[in-house]
N, C-alpha and C. Protein backbone atom coordinates (compact mmCIF):
# COMPACT_ATOMS: atom_id res chain seq x y z
N LEU A 1 -2.23 -1.48 2.39
CA LEU A 1 -1.06 -1.08 1.64
C LEU A 1 -1.44 -0.04 0.61
N VAL A 2 -0.53 0.90 0.43
CA VAL A 2 -0.79 1.96 -0.54
C VAL A 2 0.53 2.37 -1.18
N TYR A 3 0.50 2.65 -2.45
CA TYR A 3 1.70 3.03 -3.17
C TYR A 3 2.06 4.48 -2.85
N ILE A 4 3.33 4.77 -2.77
CA ILE A 4 3.81 6.09 -2.34
C ILE A 4 3.28 7.23 -3.22
N ASP A 5 3.15 7.00 -4.52
CA ASP A 5 2.63 8.06 -5.40
C ASP A 5 1.21 8.47 -4.99
N ASP A 6 0.40 7.50 -4.57
CA ASP A 6 -0.95 7.81 -4.11
C ASP A 6 -0.91 8.59 -2.80
N VAL A 7 0.03 8.28 -1.92
CA VAL A 7 0.17 9.02 -0.66
C VAL A 7 0.56 10.47 -0.95
N VAL A 8 1.52 10.67 -1.83
CA VAL A 8 1.97 12.02 -2.17
C VAL A 8 0.81 12.81 -2.79
N ASP A 9 0.07 12.19 -3.71
CA ASP A 9 -1.08 12.87 -4.31
C ASP A 9 -2.09 13.30 -3.25
N SER A 10 -2.34 12.42 -2.28
CA SER A 10 -3.31 12.77 -1.23
C SER A 10 -2.81 13.92 -0.37
N PHE A 11 -1.51 13.97 -0.07
CA PHE A 11 -0.96 15.08 0.70
C PHE A 11 -1.11 16.39 -0.05
N LEU A 12 -0.82 16.36 -1.34
CA LEU A 12 -0.95 17.58 -2.14
C LEU A 12 -2.41 18.03 -2.21
N ASN A 13 -3.33 17.08 -2.31
CA ASN A 13 -4.75 17.42 -2.30
C ASN A 13 -5.16 18.07 -0.99
N CYS A 14 -4.61 17.60 0.12
CA CYS A 14 -4.93 18.18 1.44
C CYS A 14 -4.53 19.65 1.51
N LEU A 15 -3.40 19.98 0.92
CA LEU A 15 -2.92 21.36 0.96
C LEU A 15 -3.89 22.33 0.29
N ASP A 16 -4.60 21.84 -0.72
CA ASP A 16 -5.52 22.68 -1.48
C ASP A 16 -6.98 22.53 -1.06
N CYS A 17 -7.22 21.82 0.03
CA CYS A 17 -8.61 21.51 0.40
C CYS A 17 -8.87 21.93 1.84
N GLU A 18 -9.50 23.08 2.01
CA GLU A 18 -9.78 23.56 3.36
C GLU A 18 -10.68 22.61 4.14
N ARG A 19 -11.52 21.84 3.44
CA ARG A 19 -12.40 20.88 4.12
C ARG A 19 -11.60 19.80 4.83
N SER A 20 -10.33 19.63 4.48
CA SER A 20 -9.51 18.59 5.11
C SER A 20 -8.78 19.11 6.35
N TYR A 21 -8.72 20.43 6.54
CA TYR A 21 -7.97 20.99 7.65
C TYR A 21 -8.54 20.49 8.98
N GLY A 22 -7.66 19.98 9.84
CA GLY A 22 -8.06 19.51 11.16
C GLY A 22 -8.76 18.17 11.16
N GLN A 23 -8.83 17.50 10.03
CA GLN A 23 -9.53 16.22 9.92
C GLN A 23 -8.53 15.05 9.99
N ASN A 24 -8.97 13.96 10.54
CA ASN A 24 -8.22 12.70 10.46
C ASN A 24 -8.70 11.99 9.20
N ILE A 25 -7.79 11.79 8.27
CA ILE A 25 -8.16 11.19 6.99
C ILE A 25 -7.23 10.02 6.70
N ASN A 26 -7.81 8.83 6.58
CA ASN A 26 -7.02 7.65 6.25
C ASN A 26 -6.71 7.62 4.77
N ILE A 27 -5.46 7.31 4.46
CA ILE A 27 -5.05 7.13 3.08
C ILE A 27 -4.61 5.68 2.92
N GLY A 28 -5.17 5.02 1.96
CA GLY A 28 -4.87 3.62 1.70
C GLY A 28 -5.60 3.20 0.45
N THR A 29 -5.73 1.89 0.29
CA THR A 29 -6.48 1.39 -0.87
C THR A 29 -7.92 1.06 -0.50
N GLY A 30 -8.17 0.88 0.78
CA GLY A 30 -9.48 0.44 1.20
C GLY A 30 -9.69 -1.04 0.98
N VAL A 31 -8.61 -1.75 0.66
CA VAL A 31 -8.66 -3.18 0.39
C VAL A 31 -7.82 -3.92 1.42
N ARG A 32 -8.40 -4.94 2.04
CA ARG A 32 -7.67 -5.74 3.02
C ARG A 32 -6.67 -6.63 2.29
N THR A 33 -5.41 -6.61 2.75
CA THR A 33 -4.37 -7.49 2.20
C THR A 33 -3.62 -8.10 3.37
N SER A 34 -3.59 -9.41 3.43
CA SER A 34 -2.88 -10.07 4.52
C SER A 34 -1.38 -10.13 4.20
N VAL A 35 -0.59 -10.33 5.23
CA VAL A 35 0.85 -10.46 5.04
C VAL A 35 1.14 -11.67 4.14
N ARG A 36 0.40 -12.73 4.33
CA ARG A 36 0.59 -13.93 3.50
C ARG A 36 0.30 -13.62 2.03
N GLU A 37 -0.79 -12.90 1.75
CA GLU A 37 -1.10 -12.54 0.36
C GLU A 37 0.01 -11.67 -0.23
N LEU A 38 0.51 -10.74 0.56
CA LEU A 38 1.59 -9.87 0.10
C LEU A 38 2.83 -10.67 -0.23
N ILE A 39 3.22 -11.57 0.65
CA ILE A 39 4.40 -12.40 0.43
C ILE A 39 4.21 -13.27 -0.81
N ASP A 40 3.06 -13.92 -0.92
CA ASP A 40 2.80 -14.77 -2.08
C ASP A 40 2.86 -13.98 -3.38
N ASP A 41 2.28 -12.78 -3.38
CA ASP A 41 2.31 -11.94 -4.58
C ASP A 41 3.75 -11.54 -4.92
N MET A 42 4.52 -11.17 -3.91
CA MET A 42 5.91 -10.76 -4.15
C MET A 42 6.73 -11.91 -4.73
N ILE A 43 6.56 -13.10 -4.19
CA ILE A 43 7.30 -14.26 -4.69
C ILE A 43 6.92 -14.54 -6.15
N THR A 44 5.63 -14.51 -6.44
CA THR A 44 5.15 -14.76 -7.80
C THR A 44 5.72 -13.73 -8.77
N LEU A 45 5.63 -12.46 -8.40
CA LEU A 45 6.09 -11.39 -9.30
C LEU A 45 7.61 -11.37 -9.44
N TYR A 46 8.31 -11.77 -8.38
CA TYR A 46 9.78 -11.78 -8.43
C TYR A 46 10.28 -12.93 -9.29
N GLY A 47 9.45 -13.98 -9.40
CA GLY A 47 9.78 -15.09 -10.29
C GLY A 47 10.85 -16.02 -9.76
N LYS A 48 10.99 -16.10 -8.46
CA LYS A 48 11.97 -17.01 -7.87
C LYS A 48 11.26 -17.99 -6.95
N ASP A 49 11.82 -19.16 -6.82
CA ASP A 49 11.27 -20.16 -5.92
C ASP A 49 11.86 -19.91 -4.54
N ILE A 50 11.09 -19.25 -3.71
CA ILE A 50 11.54 -18.88 -2.37
C ILE A 50 10.69 -19.62 -1.36
N SER A 51 11.33 -20.25 -0.41
CA SER A 51 10.63 -20.98 0.64
C SER A 51 10.35 -20.03 1.80
N VAL A 52 9.12 -20.03 2.25
CA VAL A 52 8.71 -19.18 3.37
C VAL A 52 8.19 -20.09 4.47
N LYS A 53 8.65 -19.86 5.66
CA LYS A 53 8.18 -20.64 6.81
C LYS A 53 7.14 -19.81 7.55
N TYR A 54 5.90 -20.28 7.53
CA TYR A 54 4.82 -19.60 8.22
C TYR A 54 4.67 -20.21 9.61
N GLU A 55 4.60 -19.36 10.61
CA GLU A 55 4.40 -19.82 11.97
C GLU A 55 3.13 -19.19 12.50
N GLY A 56 2.75 -19.56 13.69
CA GLY A 56 1.52 -19.04 14.28
C GLY A 56 1.56 -17.54 14.50
N SER A 57 0.44 -17.02 14.89
CA SER A 57 0.33 -15.59 15.15
C SER A 57 1.14 -15.20 16.38
N THR A 58 1.52 -13.95 16.40
CA THR A 58 2.20 -13.38 17.56
C THR A 58 1.15 -12.69 18.42
N ALA A 59 1.31 -12.78 19.72
CA ALA A 59 0.38 -12.12 20.62
C ALA A 59 0.28 -10.64 20.24
N GLY A 60 -0.94 -10.15 20.13
CA GLY A 60 -1.15 -8.75 19.78
C GLY A 60 -1.35 -8.51 18.30
N ASP A 61 -1.16 -9.54 17.46
CA ASP A 61 -1.40 -9.38 16.02
C ASP A 61 -2.85 -8.98 15.78
N ILE A 62 -3.04 -8.09 14.83
CA ILE A 62 -4.38 -7.67 14.44
C ILE A 62 -4.63 -8.20 13.04
N HIS A 63 -5.73 -8.89 12.87
CA HIS A 63 -6.03 -9.51 11.57
C HIS A 63 -7.27 -8.86 10.96
N GLY A 64 -7.23 -8.68 9.66
CA GLY A 64 -8.42 -8.26 8.95
C GLY A 64 -8.73 -6.78 8.99
N ILE A 65 -7.73 -5.92 9.24
CA ILE A 65 -8.03 -4.50 9.21
C ILE A 65 -7.51 -3.87 7.92
N TYR A 66 -8.08 -2.76 7.57
CA TYR A 66 -7.65 -2.01 6.40
C TYR A 66 -8.11 -0.57 6.59
N ALA A 67 -7.57 0.33 5.80
CA ALA A 67 -7.90 1.74 5.92
C ALA A 67 -9.30 2.01 5.35
N ASP A 68 -10.12 2.65 6.16
CA ASP A 68 -11.41 3.13 5.67
C ASP A 68 -11.15 4.47 5.01
N ILE A 69 -11.22 4.51 3.68
CA ILE A 69 -10.85 5.72 2.94
C ILE A 69 -12.06 6.57 2.57
N THR A 70 -13.18 6.33 3.22
CA THR A 70 -14.41 7.06 2.90
C THR A 70 -14.21 8.56 3.02
N ARG A 71 -13.60 9.01 4.11
CA ARG A 71 -13.41 10.46 4.29
C ARG A 71 -12.47 11.03 3.23
N ALA A 72 -11.43 10.29 2.86
CA ALA A 72 -10.52 10.74 1.80
C ALA A 72 -11.26 10.87 0.48
N GLN A 73 -12.15 9.93 0.22
CA GLN A 73 -12.94 9.99 -1.02
C GLN A 73 -13.88 11.20 -1.00
N GLN A 74 -14.50 11.44 0.15
CA GLN A 74 -15.48 12.52 0.25
C GLN A 74 -14.83 13.90 0.27
N LYS A 75 -13.78 14.05 1.06
CA LYS A 75 -13.17 15.38 1.25
C LYS A 75 -12.14 15.73 0.19
N LEU A 76 -11.41 14.70 -0.30
CA LEU A 76 -10.30 14.96 -1.21
C LEU A 76 -10.53 14.43 -2.62
N ASN A 77 -11.69 13.80 -2.82
CA ASN A 77 -11.93 13.09 -4.09
C ASN A 77 -10.81 12.11 -4.37
N PHE A 78 -10.31 11.47 -3.30
CA PHE A 78 -9.18 10.55 -3.39
C PHE A 78 -9.64 9.19 -3.87
N THR A 79 -8.96 8.69 -4.86
CA THR A 79 -9.10 7.30 -5.30
C THR A 79 -7.70 6.79 -5.59
N PRO A 80 -7.28 5.71 -4.94
CA PRO A 80 -5.94 5.20 -5.24
C PRO A 80 -5.83 4.80 -6.71
N LYS A 81 -4.72 5.17 -7.32
CA LYS A 81 -4.53 4.90 -8.75
C LYS A 81 -3.70 3.63 -9.01
N ILE A 82 -2.89 3.26 -8.05
CA ILE A 82 -1.96 2.13 -8.22
C ILE A 82 -2.45 0.95 -7.40
N ASP A 83 -2.79 -0.15 -8.06
CA ASP A 83 -3.22 -1.34 -7.33
C ASP A 83 -1.98 -2.09 -6.79
N LEU A 84 -2.23 -3.08 -5.96
CA LEU A 84 -1.15 -3.80 -5.29
C LEU A 84 -0.16 -4.40 -6.28
N GLU A 85 -0.65 -5.12 -7.27
CA GLU A 85 0.25 -5.79 -8.21
C GLU A 85 1.11 -4.77 -8.98
N THR A 86 0.50 -3.71 -9.44
CA THR A 86 1.25 -2.68 -10.17
C THR A 86 2.29 -2.04 -9.26
N GLY A 87 1.91 -1.74 -8.02
CA GLY A 87 2.85 -1.16 -7.07
C GLY A 87 4.02 -2.08 -6.77
N LEU A 88 3.74 -3.37 -6.62
CA LEU A 88 4.82 -4.33 -6.37
C LEU A 88 5.74 -4.44 -7.58
N LEU A 89 5.17 -4.44 -8.78
CA LEU A 89 6.01 -4.48 -9.99
C LEU A 89 6.90 -3.25 -10.08
N LYS A 90 6.38 -2.09 -9.77
CA LYS A 90 7.18 -0.86 -9.78
C LYS A 90 8.31 -0.94 -8.75
N MET A 91 7.98 -1.47 -7.56
CA MET A 91 8.99 -1.61 -6.52
C MET A 91 10.08 -2.59 -6.95
N LEU A 92 9.68 -3.72 -7.53
CA LEU A 92 10.68 -4.70 -7.97
C LEU A 92 11.55 -4.14 -9.08
N ASP A 93 10.98 -3.36 -9.99
CA ASP A 93 11.79 -2.71 -11.02
C ASP A 93 12.80 -1.76 -10.39
N TRP A 94 12.36 -1.03 -9.38
CA TRP A 94 13.26 -0.10 -8.68
C TRP A 94 14.40 -0.87 -8.01
N VAL A 95 14.06 -1.98 -7.34
CA VAL A 95 15.08 -2.79 -6.65
C VAL A 95 16.09 -3.31 -7.66
N LYS A 96 15.62 -3.82 -8.78
CA LYS A 96 16.53 -4.32 -9.82
C LYS A 96 17.42 -3.21 -10.33
N GLY A 97 16.89 -2.01 -10.47
CA GLY A 97 17.67 -0.87 -10.90
C GLY A 97 18.75 -0.51 -9.90
N GLN A 98 18.43 -0.65 -8.62
CA GLN A 98 19.43 -0.37 -7.58
C GLN A 98 20.56 -1.37 -7.64
N LYS A 99 20.23 -2.63 -7.92
CA LYS A 99 21.28 -3.67 -8.03
C LYS A 99 22.21 -3.36 -9.21
N ASN A 100 21.61 -2.89 -10.32
CA ASN A 100 22.40 -2.57 -11.51
C ASN A 100 23.30 -1.35 -11.29
N ASN A 101 22.88 -0.45 -10.41
CA ASN A 101 23.65 0.77 -10.14
C ASN A 101 24.71 0.57 -9.06
N ALA A 102 24.69 -0.58 -8.39
CA ALA A 102 25.63 -0.83 -7.29
C ALA A 102 26.99 -1.22 -7.79
């Protein structure tokens, strides 16, 4: 998972970096986050008692992968600035703002 501001920053860096031209560069946090961890964090930060029913894996599910951002770090001097919790808090603030504007 990666926050949109970090993605935009990486795109802008690519435009100014000839070393990135024609390269496949992963943009992410470089940190593995499971769907369960994401859901648990969202529930905690949202502050509501929400029941989640977890079931078994679906055929074809891939577990334990994350973006290797080594090339982004080397070619673009990329380091994600927004961690998961901060990004989720920003998203929740945005969602609450949308409810207030509706």
